[in-house]
């Protein structure tokens, strides 16, 4: 379902890789906890699955597809099969719970008849069938996260990525969110959850993958949060990522860069209007733009494009509602 084949991601020349030599696979129907200290590479891993950033070396496969071969215009289609849940919910504040879920269907042109059937089903699944007309600020944190999960799952994606979904919730509420994710997983969806929640990991005892400094240092089938693994930072066996790096030094990036990691010639800085282009002068010197890899400029453009294509950008739903809220006879326009 998701496979990383010798994947390394370096954002800037001279920096250590955010992810290094990643060889791992998440199979269909798995529930995986991705753990590690902040900056260990978890977010980069998820961003590569969403094709928000491209690896510097290696190949990422999602649903059997080599992401490097997917053109930019097909990225939205790819992401429709990947649900994403965030720690801060990211609901549209001026839309009801019903409309927030409805929006994920509206942007892909789902027929209204189907929308009217699916949204109530999702509200019932997450236990909010009587709160569809409430705005986000009228819901508790746990209820907002349930709406966010319903929105992520309404298209029945084969993959659900959850980035700290219980991070802002109390333990009791977090337990309910975990149960909901487990139910989605039982329906066949692969769930990859990045978390610092020790209680959640210990309670579920599913597959646990720990990252330290961009490396996978632990992969346990039925793991717990803490481990005797010597290089585990979250277990207190190492103080931080830098300690791990000292024990496992990397080759100098500038002296031994793999040909596949960067282009042979530095890229020019786009839009630099002060003669900062990356070219050699008569003395063989290069400008400061040479410090930026072409792939980094590409990554920035991809990130901007991904932002513009984000399903949850409110502007796409601001002018006119997709359908009127079935919980009231007023349309959105009448309410305004």
Protein backbone atom coordinates (compact mmCIF):
# COMPACT_ATOMS: atom_id res chain seq x y z
CA UNK A 1 0.00 0.00 0.00
CA UNK A 2 2.82 2.43 0.97
CA UNK A 3 6.44 1.58 0.27
CA UNK A 4 9.66 3.54 0.63
CA UNK A 5 12.53 2.10 -1.40
CA UNK A 6 15.92 3.44 -0.18
CA UNK A 7 14.47 6.92 0.28
CA UNK A 8 16.55 9.88 1.43
CA UNK A 9 15.27 13.44 1.64
CA UNK A 10 17.64 16.39 2.10
CA UNK A 11 16.05 19.83 1.98
CA UNK A 12 19.18 21.99 1.69
CA UNK A 13 22.82 21.38 0.88
CA UNK A 14 24.91 21.06 4.02
CA UNK A 15 21.96 19.93 6.14
CA UNK A 16 21.64 16.41 7.41
CA UNK A 17 18.86 14.42 5.73
CA UNK A 18 15.37 14.77 7.16
CA UNK A 19 14.85 11.11 6.18
CA UNK A 20 17.70 8.78 5.30
CA UNK A 21 17.93 5.34 3.67
CA UNK A 22 14.28 4.62 4.40
CA UNK A 23 13.27 1.09 3.43
CA UNK A 24 9.86 0.30 4.86
CA UNK A 25 6.42 -0.85 3.76
CA UNK A 26 2.96 -0.38 5.23
CA UNK A 27 0.60 -3.03 3.91
CA UNK A 28 -3.09 -2.77 3.14
CA UNK A 29 -5.26 -2.74 6.24
CA UNK A 30 -2.44 -2.08 8.72
CA UNK A 31 -2.65 0.28 11.69
CA UNK A 32 0.79 1.81 12.27
CA UNK A 33 1.99 4.18 14.97
CA UNK A 34 4.79 6.46 13.82
CA UNK A 35 6.68 7.68 16.89
CA UNK A 36 9.77 9.76 17.54
CA UNK A 37 10.93 13.05 18.94
CA UNK A 38 10.13 16.30 17.14
CA UNK A 39 12.28 16.62 14.05
CA UNK A 40 12.84 12.89 13.70
CA UNK A 41 11.37 12.72 10.18
CA UNK A 42 7.74 11.72 10.77
CA UNK A 43 6.24 14.76 9.03
CA UNK A 44 8.58 14.44 6.06
CA UNK A 45 7.52 10.81 5.65
CA UNK A 46 3.85 11.83 5.56
CA UNK A 47 4.52 14.73 3.19
CA UNK A 48 6.21 12.35 0.76
CA UNK A 49 3.17 10.04 0.81
CA UNK A 50 1.01 13.05 -0.09
CA UNK A 51 3.57 14.05 -2.74
CA UNK A 52 3.98 17.45 -1.11
CA UNK A 53 7.75 16.92 -1.30
CA UNK A 54 9.80 14.59 -3.47
CA UNK A 55 12.63 12.38 -2.22
CA UNK A 56 16.20 13.39 -3.03
CA UNK A 57 16.97 9.73 -3.71
CA UNK A 58 14.90 6.56 -3.87
CA UNK A 59 11.30 5.84 -4.76
CA UNK A 60 7.99 6.21 -2.92
CA UNK A 61 5.11 3.94 -3.94
CA UNK A 62 1.50 4.55 -2.95
CA UNK A 63 -1.17 2.03 -3.95
CA UNK A 64 1.35 0.44 -6.29
CA UNK A 65 2.13 3.70 -8.10
CA UNK A 66 5.58 5.23 -8.36
CA UNK A 67 4.92 8.81 -7.20
CA UNK A 68 7.82 10.17 -9.25
CA UNK A 69 5.94 9.18 -12.40
CA UNK A 70 2.70 10.92 -11.46
CA UNK A 71 2.38 14.32 -13.23
CA UNK A 72 1.32 17.36 -11.24
CA UNK A 73 -2.14 17.46 -12.78
CA UNK A 74 -2.88 13.99 -11.40
CA UNK A 75 -1.86 14.80 -7.83
CA UNK A 76 -5.38 15.87 -6.73
CA UNK A 77 -6.70 12.51 -7.91
CA UNK A 78 -4.01 10.74 -5.89
CA UNK A 79 -4.91 12.67 -2.76
CA UNK A 80 -8.59 11.79 -3.04
CA UNK A 81 -7.58 8.29 -1.99
CA UNK A 82 -5.66 9.59 1.03
CA UNK A 83 -7.49 11.07 4.00
CA UNK A 84 -5.62 13.45 6.32
CA UNK A 85 -6.43 14.28 9.95
CA UNK A 86 -4.60 17.08 11.76
CA UNK A 87 -3.92 17.88 15.39
CA UNK A 88 -5.59 21.30 15.10
CA UNK A 89 -8.68 19.96 13.26
CA UNK A 90 -8.57 22.56 10.43
CA UNK A 91 -12.32 22.89 10.11
CA UNK A 92 -13.86 25.77 8.19
CA UNK A 93 -14.97 28.03 11.06
CA UNK A 94 -17.97 29.58 9.30
CA UNK A 95 -19.42 26.25 8.16
CA UNK A 96 -21.48 23.78 10.13
CA UNK A 97 -20.33 20.27 10.91
CA UNK A 98 -22.53 19.04 8.07
CA UNK A 99 -21.06 21.55 5.62
CA UNK A 100 -17.47 20.77 6.60
CA UNK A 101 -18.01 17.14 5.67
CA UNK A 102 -20.05 18.09 2.62
CA UNK A 103 -17.20 20.26 1.35
CA UNK A 104 -14.86 17.30 0.84
CA UNK A 105 -17.48 15.84 -1.52
CA UNK A 106 -18.40 19.12 -3.21
CA UNK A 107 -14.90 19.89 -4.44
CA UNK A 108 -14.75 16.64 -6.42
CA UNK A 109 -18.17 17.11 -7.99
CA UNK A 110 -20.12 14.49 -6.05
CA UNK A 111 -23.82 14.49 -7.05
CA UNK A 112 -26.07 16.17 -4.52
CA UNK A 113 -28.15 13.06 -4.05
CA UNK A 114 -25.04 11.15 -3.01
CA UNK A 115 -23.94 14.00 -0.73
CA UNK A 116 -27.29 13.99 1.08
CA UNK A 117 -26.85 10.28 1.74
CA UNK A 118 -23.16 10.17 2.69
CA UNK A 119 -22.91 13.15 5.04
CA UNK A 120 -25.58 11.94 7.49
CA UNK A 121 -23.95 8.49 7.39
CA UNK A 122 -20.62 10.03 8.40
CA UNK A 123 -22.19 12.10 11.17
CA UNK A 124 -23.81 8.96 12.54
CA UNK A 125 -20.58 6.98 12.31
CA UNK A 126 -18.70 9.55 14.42
CA UNK A 127 -21.57 9.91 16.89
CA UNK A 128 -22.63 13.44 15.92
CA UNK A 129 -25.89 12.79 14.10
CA UNK A 130 -27.67 15.41 16.25
CA UNK A 131 -24.98 18.10 15.89
CA UNK A 132 -24.76 18.55 12.15
CA UNK A 133 -25.93 22.17 12.20
CA UNK A 134 -23.44 23.32 14.84
CA UNK A 135 -20.47 25.50 13.99
CA UNK A 136 -16.99 24.39 15.08
CA UNK A 137 -16.84 26.83 18.00
CA UNK A 138 -20.04 25.27 19.33
CA UNK A 139 -18.40 21.83 19.51
CA UNK A 140 -15.92 20.44 22.01
CA UNK A 141 -12.38 19.59 20.92
CA UNK A 142 -13.23 15.93 20.70
CA UNK A 143 -16.33 16.65 18.62
CA UNK A 144 -14.34 18.87 16.26
CA UNK A 145 -11.84 16.07 15.74
CA UNK A 146 -14.68 13.66 15.02
CA UNK A 147 -15.94 16.03 12.31
CA UNK A 148 -12.41 16.23 10.90
CA UNK A 149 -12.17 12.44 10.80
CA UNK A 150 -15.56 12.20 9.11
CA UNK A 151 -14.44 14.71 6.50
CA UNK A 152 -11.22 12.76 5.89
CA UNK A 153 -13.06 9.45 5.56
CA UNK A 154 -16.19 10.48 3.66
CA UNK A 155 -14.59 9.62 0.30
CA UNK A 156 -13.68 6.15 1.67
CA UNK A 157 -9.92 6.56 1.14
CA UNK A 158 -7.71 3.49 1.18
CA UNK A 159 -5.16 5.37 3.32
CA UNK A 160 -5.74 7.62 6.33
CA UNK A 161 -2.84 9.69 7.66
CA UNK A 162 -3.33 11.11 11.14
CA UNK A 163 -0.87 13.71 12.45
CA UNK A 164 -1.15 13.88 16.25
CA UNK A 165 -4.97 13.52 16.19
CA UNK A 166 -5.17 13.21 20.00
CA UNK A 167 -2.55 15.85 20.81
CA UNK A 168 -5.05 18.52 21.91
CA UNK A 169 -7.47 16.18 23.67
CA UNK A 170 -7.89 14.91 27.21
CA UNK A 171 -7.24 11.19 27.80
CA UNK A 172 -10.90 10.15 27.86
CA UNK A 173 -11.71 12.02 24.65
CA UNK A 174 -8.53 10.74 23.02
CA UNK A 175 -9.67 7.19 23.74
CA UNK A 176 -12.85 7.79 21.77
CA UNK A 177 -10.89 9.12 18.81
CA UNK A 178 -8.65 6.03 18.89
CA UNK A 179 -11.73 3.80 18.87
CA UNK A 180 -13.02 5.67 15.84
CA UNK A 181 -9.72 5.26 13.99
CA UNK A 182 -9.68 1.58 14.89
CA UNK A 183 -13.19 1.20 13.45
CA UNK A 184 -12.09 2.84 10.21
CA UNK A 185 -9.09 0.52 10.12
CA UNK A 186 -11.35 -2.50 10.58
CA UNK A 187 -13.24 -1.41 7.46
CA UNK A 188 -10.05 -1.94 5.47
CA UNK A 189 -8.39 1.48 5.49
CA UNK A 190 -4.66 1.63 6.16
CA UNK A 191 -4.07 4.01 9.10
CA UNK A 192 -0.71 5.65 9.76
CA UNK A 193 -0.77 7.76 12.90
CA UNK A 194 2.10 10.00 14.00
CA UNK A 195 1.90 10.53 17.74
CA UNK A 196 3.60 11.37 21.02
CA UNK A 197 0.69 9.83 22.94
CA UNK A 198 2.21 7.10 25.09
CA UNK A 199 -1.18 5.99 26.40
CA UNK A 200 -2.59 5.55 22.89
CA UNK A 201 0.30 3.42 21.69
CA UNK A 202 0.37 1.26 24.80
CA UNK A 203 -3.39 0.75 24.72
CA UNK A 204 -3.64 -0.27 21.07
CA UNK A 205 -0.43 -2.32 20.81
CA UNK A 206 -0.29 -2.19 17.04
CA UNK A 207 2.76 -1.90 14.81
CA UNK A 208 5.16 0.75 16.11
CA UNK A 209 7.81 2.40 13.94
CA UNK A 210 10.22 4.74 15.71
CA UNK A 211 12.31 7.33 13.90
CA UNK A 212 15.41 9.06 15.25
CA UNK A 213 17.21 11.70 13.23
CA UNK A 214 15.64 10.57 9.97
CA UNK A 215 16.42 6.89 10.51
CA UNK A 216 14.09 4.05 11.43
CA UNK A 217 15.57 2.57 14.61
CA UNK A 218 12.67 0.33 15.61
CA UNK A 219 9.89 -1.56 13.85
CA UNK A 220 7.82 -3.77 16.17
CA UNK A 221 4.76 -5.75 15.15
CA UNK A 222 2.90 -5.29 18.44
CA UNK A 223 4.89 -2.60 20.14
CA UNK A 224 4.60 -0.19 23.02
CA UNK A 225 5.74 3.40 23.29
CA UNK A 226 8.87 2.74 25.34
CA UNK A 227 11.48 0.17 24.41
CA UNK A 228 14.89 -1.07 25.58
CA UNK A 229 16.26 -0.37 22.09
CA UNK A 230 19.53 1.49 22.82
CA UNK A 231 18.99 4.19 20.17
CA UNK A 232 15.42 5.07 21.21
CA UNK A 233 15.14 8.74 22.12
CA UNK A 234 11.52 8.68 23.30
CA UNK A 235 12.39 5.87 25.74
CA UNK A 236 15.09 8.01 27.31
CA UNK A 237 17.91 5.78 26.07
CA UNK A 238 19.44 8.70 24.15
CA UNK A 239 19.10 12.37 25.12
CA UNK A 240 18.20 13.66 21.66
CA UNK A 241 18.73 13.21 17.94
CA UNK A 242 22.18 14.76 18.05
CA UNK A 243 23.35 12.01 20.36
CA UNK A 244 22.24 9.42 17.83
CA UNK A 245 23.96 11.31 15.05
CA UNK A 246 27.23 11.38 16.98
CA UNK A 247 27.11 7.62 17.34
CA UNK A 248 26.23 7.15 13.67
CA UNK A 249 28.07 9.93 11.78
CA UNK A 250 26.99 10.63 8.24
CA UNK A 251 29.28 11.22 5.34
CA UNK A 252 29.95 14.85 4.65
CA UNK A 253 27.17 16.00 2.33
CA UNK A 254 29.30 18.48 0.46
CA UNK A 255 32.28 16.17 -0.10
CA UNK A 256 30.47 12.97 -0.98
CA UNK A 257 27.12 13.89 -2.42
CA UNK A 258 25.49 11.04 -4.27
CA UNK A 259 24.96 11.97 -7.93
CA UNK A 260 21.27 11.14 -7.50
CA UNK A 261 20.86 13.54 -4.58
CA UNK A 262 21.39 16.79 -6.46
CA UNK A 263 21.81 18.14 -9.96
CA UNK A 264 25.30 18.51 -11.33
CA UNK A 265 24.94 22.28 -11.59
CA UNK A 266 23.33 24.63 -9.05
CA UNK A 267 20.06 26.23 -9.97
CA UNK A 268 19.52 29.91 -10.39
CA UNK A 269 17.44 31.77 -7.84
CA UNK A 270 14.15 32.64 -9.49
CA UNK A 271 13.11 36.24 -9.30
CA UNK A 272 16.37 37.44 -7.76
CA UNK A 273 16.66 40.86 -9.31
CA UNK A 274 20.10 41.73 -8.02
CA UNK A 275 22.48 39.69 -10.13
CA UNK A 276 22.31 36.65 -7.82
CA UNK A 277 22.01 34.08 -10.59
CA UNK A 278 24.08 30.92 -10.10
CA UNK A 279 26.69 31.36 -12.80
CA UNK A 280 30.46 31.45 -12.85
CA UNK A 281 32.33 34.69 -13.43
CA UNK A 282 35.67 35.00 -15.14
CA UNK A 283 37.51 34.01 -11.95
CA UNK A 284 35.50 30.84 -11.58
CA UNK A 285 33.52 32.11 -8.61
CA UNK A 286 29.84 31.35 -8.16
CA UNK A 287 27.13 33.45 -6.60
CA UNK A 288 25.33 32.65 -3.34
CA UNK A 289 22.44 31.09 -5.24
CA UNK A 290 24.66 28.04 -5.71
CA UNK A 291 23.91 27.05 -2.15
CA UNK A 292 20.32 26.23 -3.08
CA UNK A 293 19.66 22.94 -4.82
CA UNK A 294 17.34 22.86 -7.80
CA UNK A 295 15.30 20.19 -6.07
CA UNK A 296 14.67 22.55 -3.15
CA UNK A 297 13.24 25.17 -5.48
CA UNK A 298 11.09 22.47 -7.02
CA UNK A 299 9.95 21.35 -3.57
CA UNK A 300 8.92 24.89 -2.70
CA UNK A 301 6.90 25.17 -5.90
CA UNK A 302 5.30 21.78 -5.22
CA UNK A 303 4.42 22.87 -1.70
CA UNK A 304 2.79 26.05 -2.99
CA UNK A 305 0.88 24.07 -5.59
CA UNK A 306 -0.20 21.57 -2.97
CA UNK A 307 -1.42 24.42 -0.82
CA UNK A 308 -3.47 25.82 -3.69
CA UNK A 309 -4.95 22.39 -4.36
CA UNK A 310 -5.77 21.74 -0.70
CA UNK A 311 -9.24 20.36 -0.38
CA UNK A 312 -9.89 22.47 2.67
CA UNK A 313 -9.12 25.93 1.35
CA UNK A 314 -12.09 27.98 2.43
CA UNK A 315 -12.15 30.27 -0.58
CA UNK A 316 -13.39 27.45 -2.77
CA UNK A 317 -16.53 27.27 -0.68
CA UNK A 318 -16.98 30.89 0.26
CA UNK A 319 -19.06 32.23 -2.61
CA UNK A 320 -21.96 29.81 -2.71
CA UNK A 321 -22.81 26.72 -0.68
CA UNK A 322 -22.91 23.38 -2.46
CA UNK A 323 -26.30 22.52 -1.05
CA UNK A 324 -28.41 24.03 1.69
CA UNK A 325 -27.99 22.62 5.15
CA UNK A 326 -30.63 19.90 5.59
CA UNK A 327 -30.93 20.70 9.29
CA UNK A 328 -32.58 24.05 8.59
CA UNK A 329 -34.87 25.53 5.96
CA UNK A 330 -32.57 28.53 5.53
CA UNK A 331 -29.91 28.46 2.86
CA UNK A 332 -26.49 29.85 3.59
CA UNK A 333 -27.28 32.91 1.49
CA UNK A 334 -30.44 33.63 3.51
CA UNK A 335 -28.51 33.36 6.75
CA UNK A 336 -26.15 36.05 5.46
